[in-house]
N, C-alpha and C. Protein backbone atom coordinates (compact mmCIF):
# COMPACT_ATOMS: atom_id res chain seq x y z
N UNK A 1 33.99 -129.39 31.89
CA UNK A 1 34.30 -128.85 30.44
C UNK A 1 34.10 -127.88 31.28
N UNK A 2 35.09 -127.13 30.27
CA UNK A 2 35.75 -125.73 30.59
C UNK A 2 34.20 -124.77 30.11
N UNK A 3 33.89 -123.62 31.05
CA UNK A 3 32.80 -122.54 30.29
C UNK A 3 32.66 -122.31 29.06
N UNK A 4 34.40 -122.09 28.54
CA UNK A 4 34.62 -121.35 27.52
C UNK A 4 34.16 -122.28 26.12
N UNK A 5 34.81 -123.96 26.43
CA UNK A 5 35.01 -124.38 25.55
C UNK A 5 33.04 -124.92 25.10
N UNK A 6 32.54 -125.04 26.36
CA UNK A 6 30.98 -125.49 26.10
C UNK A 6 30.04 -124.11 25.79
N UNK A 7 30.80 -122.63 26.09
CA UNK A 7 30.02 -121.76 25.60
C UNK A 7 29.49 -121.80 23.74
N UNK A 8 31.23 -122.40 23.47
CA UNK A 8 31.62 -122.49 21.59
C UNK A 8 30.50 -123.44 21.63
N UNK A 9 30.06 -124.36 21.60
CA UNK A 9 29.74 -125.86 21.65
C UNK A 9 28.54 -125.61 21.85
N UNK A 10 27.92 -124.54 22.37
CA UNK A 10 26.48 -124.34 22.63
C UNK A 10 25.88 -123.57 22.58
N UNK A 11 25.45 -123.44 21.57
CA UNK A 11 24.11 -122.06 20.89
C UNK A 11 22.71 -122.21 21.17
N UNK A 12 22.28 -123.10 21.53
CA UNK A 12 20.92 -123.21 21.79
C UNK A 12 21.08 -122.08 23.02
N UNK A 13 20.77 -121.40 23.98
CA UNK A 13 20.19 -120.64 24.96
C UNK A 13 20.37 -119.29 23.92
N UNK A 14 20.92 -119.19 22.74
CA UNK A 14 20.56 -117.69 22.08
C UNK A 14 19.40 -117.78 21.19
N UNK A 15 18.41 -119.18 21.32
CA UNK A 15 18.34 -119.32 20.42
C UNK A 15 16.43 -119.79 20.95
N UNK A 16 16.42 -119.26 22.52
CA UNK A 16 15.61 -119.14 23.24
C UNK A 16 15.09 -120.37 23.84
N UNK A 17 16.17 -121.11 24.03
CA UNK A 17 15.30 -123.16 24.01
C UNK A 17 14.69 -122.93 25.44
N UNK A 18 14.03 -124.19 25.98
CA UNK A 18 14.27 -123.72 27.89
C UNK A 18 15.95 -123.90 28.19
N UNK A 19 15.67 -123.28 29.41
CA UNK A 19 16.92 -123.74 29.99
C UNK A 19 16.71 -125.36 30.68
N UNK A 20 15.71 -126.18 30.60
CA UNK A 20 15.74 -127.01 31.47
C UNK A 20 16.34 -128.46 30.00
N UNK A 21 15.82 -127.85 28.94
CA UNK A 21 16.38 -128.83 27.59
C UNK A 21 17.34 -128.84 27.76
N UNK A 22 17.96 -127.76 27.96
CA UNK A 22 19.74 -128.13 27.64
C UNK A 22 20.60 -128.36 28.29
N UNK A 23 19.46 -128.05 29.84
CA UNK A 23 20.64 -128.74 30.96
C UNK A 23 20.29 -130.64 30.34
N UNK A 24 19.51 -131.03 30.31
CA UNK A 24 19.65 -132.75 29.97
C UNK A 24 19.71 -132.99 28.60
N UNK A 25 19.77 -131.63 27.58
CA UNK A 25 20.50 -132.23 26.35
C UNK A 25 22.68 -131.88 26.41
N UNK A 26 22.63 -131.09 27.38
CA UNK A 26 23.90 -131.09 27.25
C UNK A 26 24.82 -131.99 28.56
N UNK A 27 23.98 -131.95 29.59
CA UNK A 27 24.36 -133.03 30.98
C UNK A 27 25.35 -131.64 31.60
N UNK A 28 24.45 -130.88 32.07
CA UNK A 28 24.52 -129.89 32.54
C UNK A 28 23.92 -129.03 33.88
N UNK A 29 23.86 -128.74 35.06
CA UNK A 29 22.72 -128.31 36.05
C UNK A 29 22.93 -126.62 35.61
N UNK A 30 21.14 -125.95 36.32
CA UNK A 30 20.40 -125.34 35.71
C UNK A 30 21.88 -124.05 35.83
N UNK A 31 22.28 -124.22 36.69
CA UNK A 31 23.47 -123.34 37.48
C UNK A 31 24.74 -122.66 35.85
N UNK A 32 24.93 -124.08 36.27
CA UNK A 32 26.00 -124.39 34.96
C UNK A 32 25.08 -123.51 33.82
N UNK A 33 24.05 -123.07 33.09
CA UNK A 33 23.32 -122.65 32.04
C UNK A 33 23.57 -121.07 32.42
N UNK A 34 23.19 -121.13 33.66
CA UNK A 34 23.32 -119.88 33.50
C UNK A 34 24.60 -119.17 34.08
N UNK A 35 25.40 -119.16 34.94
CA UNK A 35 26.68 -119.26 34.07
C UNK A 35 27.05 -118.33 32.87
N UNK A 36 26.17 -119.34 32.29
CA UNK A 36 27.14 -119.15 30.74
C UNK A 36 26.63 -118.09 29.93
N UNK A 37 25.02 -118.28 30.26
CA UNK A 37 24.32 -117.07 29.63
C UNK A 37 25.02 -115.68 30.56
N UNK A 38 25.40 -115.49 31.83
CA UNK A 38 25.51 -114.37 32.12
C UNK A 38 27.17 -113.79 32.02
N UNK A 39 27.49 -114.96 31.69
CA UNK A 39 29.64 -115.06 30.89
C UNK A 39 29.19 -114.23 29.98
N UNK A 40 27.75 -114.45 28.63
CA UNK A 40 28.30 -114.15 27.29
C UNK A 40 27.44 -113.12 27.24
N UNK A 41 27.83 -111.63 27.08
CA UNK A 41 26.25 -110.55 26.20
C UNK A 41 25.72 -111.45 25.66
N UNK A 42 26.51 -111.65 24.19
CA UNK A 42 25.48 -112.17 23.87
C UNK A 42 24.44 -112.91 23.62
N UNK A 43 25.16 -113.62 23.65
CA UNK A 43 23.82 -114.81 23.94
C UNK A 43 22.72 -114.22 25.10
N UNK A 44 23.02 -114.02 26.02
CA UNK A 44 21.88 -113.45 26.96
C UNK A 44 21.61 -112.14 26.18
N UNK A 45 21.79 -111.50 25.54
CA UNK A 45 20.98 -110.47 24.33
C UNK A 45 20.09 -111.15 23.88
N UNK A 46 20.66 -112.11 22.97
CA UNK A 46 19.82 -112.86 22.07
C UNK A 46 19.34 -113.56 22.88
N UNK A 47 18.97 -114.09 23.74
CA UNK A 47 17.91 -114.91 24.95
C UNK A 47 16.75 -114.21 25.10
N UNK A 48 17.57 -112.92 25.25
CA UNK A 48 16.62 -112.41 26.45
C UNK A 48 15.46 -111.56 24.86
N UNK A 49 15.37 -111.29 24.12
CA UNK A 49 14.70 -111.13 22.46
C UNK A 49 13.64 -111.91 22.10
N UNK A 50 15.02 -113.22 21.94
CA UNK A 50 14.07 -114.13 21.84
C UNK A 50 12.65 -114.27 23.02
N UNK A 51 13.36 -114.05 24.17
CA UNK A 51 12.15 -114.22 25.11
C UNK A 51 10.96 -113.51 24.77
N UNK A 52 11.28 -112.18 25.38
CA UNK A 52 10.57 -110.83 24.97
C UNK A 52 9.62 -111.45 23.13
N UNK A 53 9.85 -111.47 22.51
CA UNK A 53 9.28 -111.84 21.12
C UNK A 53 8.33 -113.02 21.47
N UNK A 54 8.87 -114.15 21.97
CA UNK A 54 7.54 -115.41 22.27
C UNK A 54 6.71 -114.90 23.41
N UNK A 55 7.30 -113.88 23.98
CA UNK A 55 6.33 -113.25 25.60
C UNK A 55 4.87 -112.53 24.47
N UNK A 56 5.60 -111.57 23.39
CA UNK A 56 4.85 -110.73 23.09
C UNK A 56 3.67 -111.32 22.61
N UNK A 57 4.46 -112.15 21.46
CA UNK A 57 3.41 -112.74 20.46
C UNK A 57 1.87 -113.85 21.94
N UNK A 58 2.52 -114.46 23.05
CA UNK A 58 1.81 -115.09 23.51
C UNK A 58 0.72 -114.13 24.27
N UNK A 59 1.25 -113.16 25.05
CA UNK A 59 0.26 -111.77 25.58
C UNK A 59 -0.92 -111.29 24.73
N UNK A 60 -0.27 -110.78 22.86
CA UNK A 60 -0.99 -110.11 21.83
C UNK A 60 -2.29 -110.89 21.82
N UNK A 61 -1.62 -112.72 21.32
CA UNK A 61 -2.77 -113.45 21.16
C UNK A 61 -3.57 -113.46 22.45
N UNK A 62 -3.84 -113.71 23.69
CA UNK A 62 -4.65 -113.61 24.50
C UNK A 62 -5.26 -112.85 24.54
N UNK A 63 -5.06 -111.10 24.02
CA UNK A 63 -5.89 -109.62 24.06
C UNK A 63 -6.58 -109.77 23.26
N UNK A 64 -5.43 -110.47 22.02
CA UNK A 64 -6.58 -110.56 20.42
C UNK A 64 -8.09 -111.73 20.73
N UNK A 65 -7.44 -112.56 21.58
CA UNK A 65 -8.37 -114.00 21.87
C UNK A 65 -9.73 -113.16 22.65
N UNK A 66 -9.29 -112.37 23.42
CA UNK A 66 -9.98 -111.49 24.78
C UNK A 66 -10.86 -110.89 23.50
N UNK A 67 -10.73 -110.53 23.22
CA UNK A 67 -11.08 -109.10 22.39
C UNK A 67 -12.28 -109.65 21.11
N UNK A 68 -12.09 -110.70 20.57
CA UNK A 68 -12.68 -111.39 19.58
C UNK A 68 -13.64 -111.96 19.96
N UNK A 69 -13.32 -112.77 21.39
CA UNK A 69 -14.75 -113.23 22.54
C UNK A 69 -16.33 -111.86 22.86
N UNK A 70 -15.47 -111.34 23.29
CA UNK A 70 -15.88 -110.22 24.33
C UNK A 70 -16.11 -108.35 23.33
N UNK A 71 -16.73 -108.76 22.56
CA UNK A 71 -16.43 -107.80 20.78
C UNK A 71 -17.72 -105.97 21.66
N UNK A 72 -18.60 -106.57 22.96
CA UNK A 72 -18.94 -105.47 23.35
C UNK A 72 -18.21 -105.10 24.12
N UNK A 73 -17.38 -105.59 24.77
CA UNK A 73 -16.74 -104.59 25.79
C UNK A 73 -15.99 -103.70 25.52
N UNK A 74 -15.64 -102.75 26.71
CA UNK A 74 -15.07 -101.92 26.66
C UNK A 74 -13.33 -102.15 27.16
N UNK A 75 -12.04 -101.17 26.67
CA UNK A 75 -11.14 -101.33 27.27
C UNK A 75 -11.11 -102.19 28.53
N UNK A 76 -11.29 -100.88 29.51
CA UNK A 76 -11.57 -101.13 30.81
C UNK A 76 -11.88 -102.31 31.53
N UNK A 77 -12.94 -103.06 30.99
CA UNK A 77 -13.71 -103.80 31.08
C UNK A 77 -12.77 -105.01 30.59
N UNK A 78 -11.84 -105.15 29.93
CA UNK A 78 -11.45 -106.00 29.24
C UNK A 78 -10.33 -106.72 30.00
N UNK A 79 -9.63 -105.15 30.30
CA UNK A 79 -8.49 -105.31 31.66
C UNK A 79 -8.67 -105.47 33.16
N UNK A 80 -10.30 -105.35 33.37
CA UNK A 80 -10.49 -106.25 34.48
C UNK A 80 -10.39 -107.75 33.99
N UNK A 81 -11.08 -108.13 33.33
CA UNK A 81 -11.13 -110.00 33.70
C UNK A 81 -9.57 -110.34 33.22
N UNK A 82 -8.87 -109.07 32.38
CA UNK A 82 -7.03 -110.14 33.11
C UNK A 82 -6.37 -109.31 32.53
N UNK A 83 -6.43 -108.50 33.91
CA UNK A 83 -5.54 -107.83 34.81
C UNK A 83 -3.74 -107.44 34.01
N UNK A 84 -3.57 -109.00 34.26
CA UNK A 84 -2.05 -109.99 34.13
C UNK A 84 -1.78 -109.15 32.90
N UNK A 85 -2.33 -110.18 31.95
CA UNK A 85 -1.99 -109.61 30.82
C UNK A 85 -2.43 -108.62 30.44
N UNK A 86 -2.96 -107.64 30.58
CA UNK A 86 -2.84 -106.21 30.03
C UNK A 86 -1.79 -105.40 31.00
N UNK A 87 -1.67 -105.86 32.17
CA UNK A 87 -0.28 -105.13 32.49
C UNK A 87 0.57 -105.22 31.97
N UNK A 88 1.28 -106.53 31.61
CA UNK A 88 1.93 -107.14 30.95
C UNK A 88 2.07 -105.84 29.36
N UNK A 89 1.70 -106.36 29.01
CA UNK A 89 1.23 -105.35 27.05
C UNK A 89 1.01 -103.60 27.67
N UNK A 90 0.65 -103.13 28.58
CA UNK A 90 1.16 -101.85 28.86
C UNK A 90 2.54 -101.57 29.60
N UNK A 91 3.16 -102.41 30.02
CA UNK A 91 4.51 -102.36 30.11
C UNK A 91 5.11 -102.97 29.03
N UNK A 92 4.70 -103.48 28.58
CA UNK A 92 6.04 -103.71 27.53
C UNK A 92 6.03 -103.71 25.51
N UNK A 93 4.70 -103.24 25.83
CA UNK A 93 3.77 -103.49 24.35
C UNK A 93 3.14 -102.42 23.89
N UNK A 94 3.44 -100.86 24.91
CA UNK A 94 1.97 -99.95 24.83
C UNK A 94 1.46 -99.38 23.42
N UNK A 95 2.59 -99.00 22.88
CA UNK A 95 1.72 -98.64 21.63
C UNK A 95 1.00 -99.61 21.34
N UNK A 96 1.19 -101.23 20.87
CA UNK A 96 0.28 -101.73 19.71
C UNK A 96 -1.14 -101.73 20.67
N UNK A 97 -0.63 -101.89 22.27
CA UNK A 97 -2.12 -102.05 22.99
C UNK A 97 -2.69 -101.10 22.95
N UNK A 98 -2.67 -100.16 22.83
CA UNK A 98 -2.83 -98.57 22.76
C UNK A 98 -4.08 -98.19 21.12
N UNK A 99 -2.97 -98.91 20.52
CA UNK A 99 -3.36 -98.61 19.20
C UNK A 99 -5.09 -99.80 19.14
N UNK A 100 -5.21 -101.44 19.46
CA UNK A 100 -6.02 -101.49 19.82
C UNK A 100 -6.78 -101.17 20.04
N UNK A 101 -6.49 -100.42 21.52
CA UNK A 101 -7.70 -100.05 22.14
C UNK A 101 -8.38 -99.22 22.04
N UNK A 102 -7.61 -98.21 20.55
CA UNK A 102 -8.79 -97.43 20.10
C UNK A 102 -9.57 -97.79 19.42
N UNK A 103 -9.50 -99.01 19.09
CA UNK A 103 -10.54 -99.53 18.32
C UNK A 103 -12.02 -100.03 19.01
N UNK A 104 -11.77 -100.43 20.39
CA UNK A 104 -12.83 -100.94 21.37
C UNK A 104 -14.24 -99.45 21.29
N UNK A 105 -14.99 -100.14 21.70
CA UNK A 105 -15.73 -99.65 22.47
C UNK A 105 -15.90 -98.68 23.24
N UNK A 106 -15.81 -97.81 23.51
CA UNK A 106 -15.49 -96.63 25.30
C UNK A 106 -15.74 -96.61 26.52
N UNK A 107 -17.00 -97.37 25.91
CA UNK A 107 -17.48 -97.87 27.49
C UNK A 107 -18.43 -96.80 28.45
N UNK A 108 -17.95 -95.61 27.99
CA UNK A 108 -18.83 -94.49 28.39
C UNK A 108 -20.15 -94.30 27.95
N UNK A 109 -21.12 -94.44 29.35
CA UNK A 109 -22.35 -93.74 29.66
C UNK A 109 -22.60 -92.39 29.16
N UNK A 110 -23.75 -91.76 28.12
CA UNK A 110 -24.36 -90.56 29.03
C UNK A 110 -23.80 -89.93 27.70
N UNK A 111 -22.90 -90.42 26.20
CA UNK A 111 -22.14 -89.83 25.38
C UNK A 111 -23.33 -89.13 24.54
N UNK A 112 -23.89 -87.99 24.21
CA UNK A 112 -25.14 -87.76 23.62
C UNK A 112 -24.63 -86.93 22.20
N UNK A 113 -23.04 -87.19 21.76
CA UNK A 113 -23.06 -86.11 20.87
C UNK A 113 -23.75 -86.80 19.24
N UNK A 114 -23.84 -88.22 19.33
CA UNK A 114 -25.26 -88.96 18.33
C UNK A 114 -26.65 -88.45 18.39
N UNK A 115 -26.74 -88.27 19.34
CA UNK A 115 -28.34 -87.46 18.76
C UNK A 115 -28.83 -86.57 18.62
N UNK A 116 -30.13 -86.16 18.04
CA UNK A 116 -30.10 -85.01 17.01
C UNK A 116 -30.96 -84.48 17.63
N UNK A 117 -30.75 -83.41 18.04
CA UNK A 117 -30.88 -82.49 19.32
C UNK A 117 -32.84 -81.56 18.37
N UNK A 118 -32.31 -81.28 16.89
CA UNK A 118 -33.33 -80.18 16.28
C UNK A 118 -34.46 -81.55 16.58
N UNK A 119 -34.01 -82.65 15.78
CA UNK A 119 -35.35 -83.47 15.84
C UNK A 119 -36.11 -83.74 16.82
N UNK A 120 -35.72 -83.94 18.20
CA UNK A 120 -36.05 -84.00 18.53
C UNK A 120 -37.07 -82.96 19.71
N UNK A 121 -36.52 -81.91 19.03
CA UNK A 121 -36.90 -80.46 19.62
C UNK A 121 -38.21 -80.41 19.16
N UNK A 122 -38.33 -80.79 17.41
CA UNK A 122 -39.72 -80.88 17.13
C UNK A 122 -40.82 -81.62 17.54
N UNK A 123 -40.08 -83.66 17.66
CA UNK A 123 -40.18 -83.83 18.66
C UNK A 123 -41.47 -83.32 19.79
N UNK A 124 -40.35 -82.86 20.24
CA UNK A 124 -41.62 -82.56 21.77
C UNK A 124 -42.68 -81.30 21.43
N UNK A 125 -42.14 -80.20 20.64
CA UNK A 125 -42.93 -79.74 20.21
C UNK A 125 -44.68 -80.01 19.56
N UNK A 126 -44.03 -81.21 18.95
CA UNK A 126 -45.48 -81.61 18.47
C UNK A 126 -46.06 -82.78 19.21
N UNK A 127 -45.83 -83.20 20.41
CA UNK A 127 -45.59 -83.43 21.21
C UNK A 127 -46.96 -83.10 22.31
N UNK A 128 -46.34 -81.74 22.68
CA UNK A 128 -47.24 -80.59 23.70
C UNK A 128 -48.50 -80.42 23.06
N UNK A 129 -47.93 -80.12 21.28
CA UNK A 129 -49.04 -79.90 20.35
C UNK A 129 -50.41 -80.65 20.46
N UNK A 130 -50.42 -81.53 20.05
CA UNK A 130 -50.81 -82.74 20.19
C UNK A 130 -51.64 -83.28 21.83
N UNK A 131 -51.52 -82.81 22.65
CA UNK A 131 -51.69 -83.37 23.77
C UNK A 131 -52.63 -82.51 24.13
N UNK A 132 -52.39 -80.96 23.44
CA UNK A 132 -52.96 -79.60 23.64
C UNK A 132 -54.56 -79.95 23.03
N UNK A 133 -54.44 -80.62 21.65
CA UNK A 133 -55.22 -80.83 21.18
C UNK A 133 -56.39 -81.66 21.45
N UNK A 134 -56.42 -83.03 22.45
CA UNK A 134 -56.26 -83.98 22.90
C UNK A 134 -56.96 -83.16 23.45
N UNK A 135 -56.87 -83.07 24.70
CA UNK A 135 -57.45 -82.20 25.82
C UNK A 135 -58.39 -80.50 25.72
N UNK A 136 -58.10 -80.09 25.05
CA UNK A 136 -58.65 -78.86 24.93
C UNK A 136 -59.12 -78.53 23.74
N UNK A 137 -59.13 -79.49 22.69
CA UNK A 137 -59.90 -79.23 21.07
C UNK A 137 -59.23 -78.16 20.18
N UNK A 138 -59.96 -77.37 20.03
CA UNK A 138 -59.31 -75.97 19.25
C UNK A 138 -58.85 -75.45 20.68
N UNK A 139 -57.38 -75.02 20.06
CA UNK A 139 -56.60 -73.94 21.30
C UNK A 139 -55.83 -73.24 21.06
N UNK A 140 -56.61 -72.02 19.77
CA UNK A 140 -55.64 -71.42 19.27
C UNK A 140 -55.66 -70.37 20.19
N UNK A 141 -56.73 -70.11 21.12
CA UNK A 141 -56.57 -68.57 21.39
C UNK A 141 -57.10 -69.09 23.03
N UNK A 142 -56.92 -70.56 23.69
CA UNK A 142 -56.73 -71.22 25.01
C UNK A 142 -55.00 -70.54 25.85
N UNK A 143 -55.26 -69.79 26.82
CA UNK A 143 -54.15 -69.12 27.52
C UNK A 143 -54.07 -70.75 28.57
N UNK A 144 -53.15 -71.00 28.71
CA UNK A 144 -53.05 -72.19 29.54
C UNK A 144 -52.15 -72.16 30.59
N UNK A 145 -51.74 -72.29 31.85
CA UNK A 145 -51.03 -71.95 32.68
C UNK A 145 -49.58 -73.06 33.01
N UNK A 146 -48.70 -72.88 33.39
CA UNK A 146 -47.41 -73.70 33.27
C UNK A 146 -47.81 -74.52 34.00
N UNK A 147 -48.93 -74.72 35.74
CA UNK A 147 -48.79 -75.95 35.84
C UNK A 147 -49.51 -76.64 35.08
N UNK A 148 -50.39 -76.45 34.50
CA UNK A 148 -51.68 -77.17 33.92
C UNK A 148 -50.89 -78.09 32.57
N UNK A 149 -49.46 -77.14 32.06
CA UNK A 149 -49.03 -77.92 30.71
C UNK A 149 -48.31 -79.18 31.03
N UNK A 150 -47.77 -78.60 32.15
CA UNK A 150 -46.54 -79.58 33.02
C UNK A 150 -47.37 -81.09 33.25
N UNK A 151 -49.00 -80.54 34.14
CA UNK A 151 -49.45 -81.73 34.23
C UNK A 151 -50.26 -82.84 32.83
N UNK A 152 -50.09 -81.51 31.64
CA UNK A 152 -50.30 -82.15 30.25
C UNK A 152 -49.21 -82.99 29.74
N UNK A 153 -48.56 -82.84 30.28
CA UNK A 153 -46.95 -83.18 29.37
C UNK A 153 -46.21 -84.21 31.04
N UNK A 154 -46.62 -85.01 31.24
CA UNK A 154 -45.51 -84.87 32.51
C UNK A 154 -43.54 -84.96 32.36
N UNK A 155 -43.17 -86.01 31.04
CA UNK A 155 -41.91 -85.86 31.27
C UNK A 155 -41.35 -84.27 31.05
N UNK A 156 -41.92 -83.31 30.51
CA UNK A 156 -41.76 -81.99 30.25
C UNK A 156 -40.50 -81.32 31.18
N UNK A 157 -40.92 -81.69 32.53
CA UNK A 157 -40.12 -80.62 33.33
C UNK A 157 -38.46 -81.47 33.46
N UNK A 158 -38.72 -82.73 33.55
CA UNK A 158 -37.46 -83.24 33.10
C UNK A 158 -37.00 -83.37 31.95
N UNK A 159 -37.42 -82.77 30.59
CA UNK A 159 -36.92 -82.04 29.48
C UNK A 159 -36.37 -81.34 29.11
N UNK A 160 -36.54 -80.01 30.64
CA UNK A 160 -36.53 -79.43 29.83
C UNK A 160 -35.45 -78.81 31.24
N UNK A 161 -34.95 -79.66 31.83
CA UNK A 161 -34.07 -79.29 32.95
C UNK A 161 -32.67 -78.93 32.08
N UNK A 162 -32.16 -79.60 31.43
CA UNK A 162 -30.55 -78.57 30.72
C UNK A 162 -31.28 -77.71 29.51
N UNK A 163 -30.59 -76.06 30.14
CA UNK A 163 -31.26 -75.57 29.89
C UNK A 163 -31.09 -74.57 27.85
N UNK A 164 -29.38 -75.80 27.36
CA UNK A 164 -29.13 -75.78 25.88
C UNK A 164 -29.67 -76.56 25.49
N UNK A 165 -30.72 -77.06 25.58
CA UNK A 165 -31.84 -78.39 24.76
C UNK A 165 -33.48 -77.38 24.57
N UNK A 166 -33.47 -78.50 23.18
CA UNK A 166 -35.18 -77.39 22.97
C UNK A 166 -35.50 -76.65 23.45
N UNK A 167 -34.82 -75.59 22.15
CA UNK A 167 -34.92 -73.95 22.31
C UNK A 167 -36.34 -73.52 21.20
N UNK A 168 -36.71 -74.65 20.19
CA UNK A 168 -37.81 -74.37 20.01
C UNK A 168 -39.27 -74.40 20.51
N UNK A 169 -38.90 -75.92 21.32
CA UNK A 169 -39.84 -75.66 22.70
C UNK A 169 -39.97 -74.72 23.73
N UNK A 170 -38.76 -74.37 23.90
CA UNK A 170 -39.27 -73.51 24.77
C UNK A 170 -39.28 -72.09 24.50
N UNK A 171 -39.21 -72.02 22.99
CA UNK A 171 -40.20 -70.16 23.00
C UNK A 171 -41.70 -70.89 22.64
N UNK A 172 -42.15 -72.36 22.21
CA UNK A 172 -43.35 -72.50 22.21
C UNK A 172 -44.07 -72.83 23.49
N UNK A 173 -43.23 -72.60 24.88
CA UNK A 173 -44.20 -72.67 25.70
C UNK A 173 -44.17 -70.98 26.61
N UNK A 174 -43.84 -70.49 25.62
CA UNK A 174 -43.01 -69.34 26.08
C UNK A 174 -44.70 -68.07 25.99
N UNK A 175 -44.97 -69.14 24.38
CA UNK A 175 -46.03 -67.73 23.63
C UNK A 175 -47.07 -68.35 24.20
N UNK A 176 -47.43 -70.12 24.33
CA UNK A 176 -48.52 -70.67 24.71
C UNK A 176 -49.07 -70.07 26.26
N UNK A 177 -48.18 -69.36 27.41
CA UNK A 177 -48.04 -69.37 28.61
C UNK A 177 -48.62 -67.73 28.59
N UNK A 178 -47.96 -67.24 27.75
CA UNK A 178 -47.88 -65.84 27.59
C UNK A 178 -49.67 -65.36 27.03
N UNK A 179 -50.68 -66.25 25.52
CA UNK A 179 -51.31 -65.68 25.17
C UNK A 179 -52.53 -64.98 26.14
N UNK A 180 -53.08 -64.75 25.60
CA UNK A 180 -54.37 -63.10 26.47
C UNK A 180 -55.92 -64.58 25.75
N UNK A 181 -56.61 -64.41 26.55
CA UNK A 181 -57.30 -65.51 26.64
C UNK A 181 -58.82 -65.03 26.29
């Protein structure tokens, strides 16, 4: 059979059918199928498009399944569990992948954007004042040393390490340390 007549009868490759099935159906070798695919650019490109669509569906389904199974994982953590799927999607379907990844938890620790620092500041002030009241009773005119204050509230030193946090508490501490007794 000549390649040109076989090619006219043989439109299965453009549908993306597996080469081994084509070989058995038309009783030709795999090299004949490959030669026909490379000789007809239209069939070759249609087959590649169909293969790409099939791979897109397959890899997307795997990624979506992994995301659904691991809702608390970040994109980085998911990527480490299935690197080949991530790599294929990143190379061939990057926009889709990045869009899906933007919906995932970021995985970063230490993001303080959701902390209400004003509320924490007031709570720390209350803690200092209530601790002083328990320790000294009436303390309106009491002059306290820095060491005594930090001994009363052991976490105070660690909390005040970041200079931009707790401005009201810092003012209270200055007032307590400057009192004359």
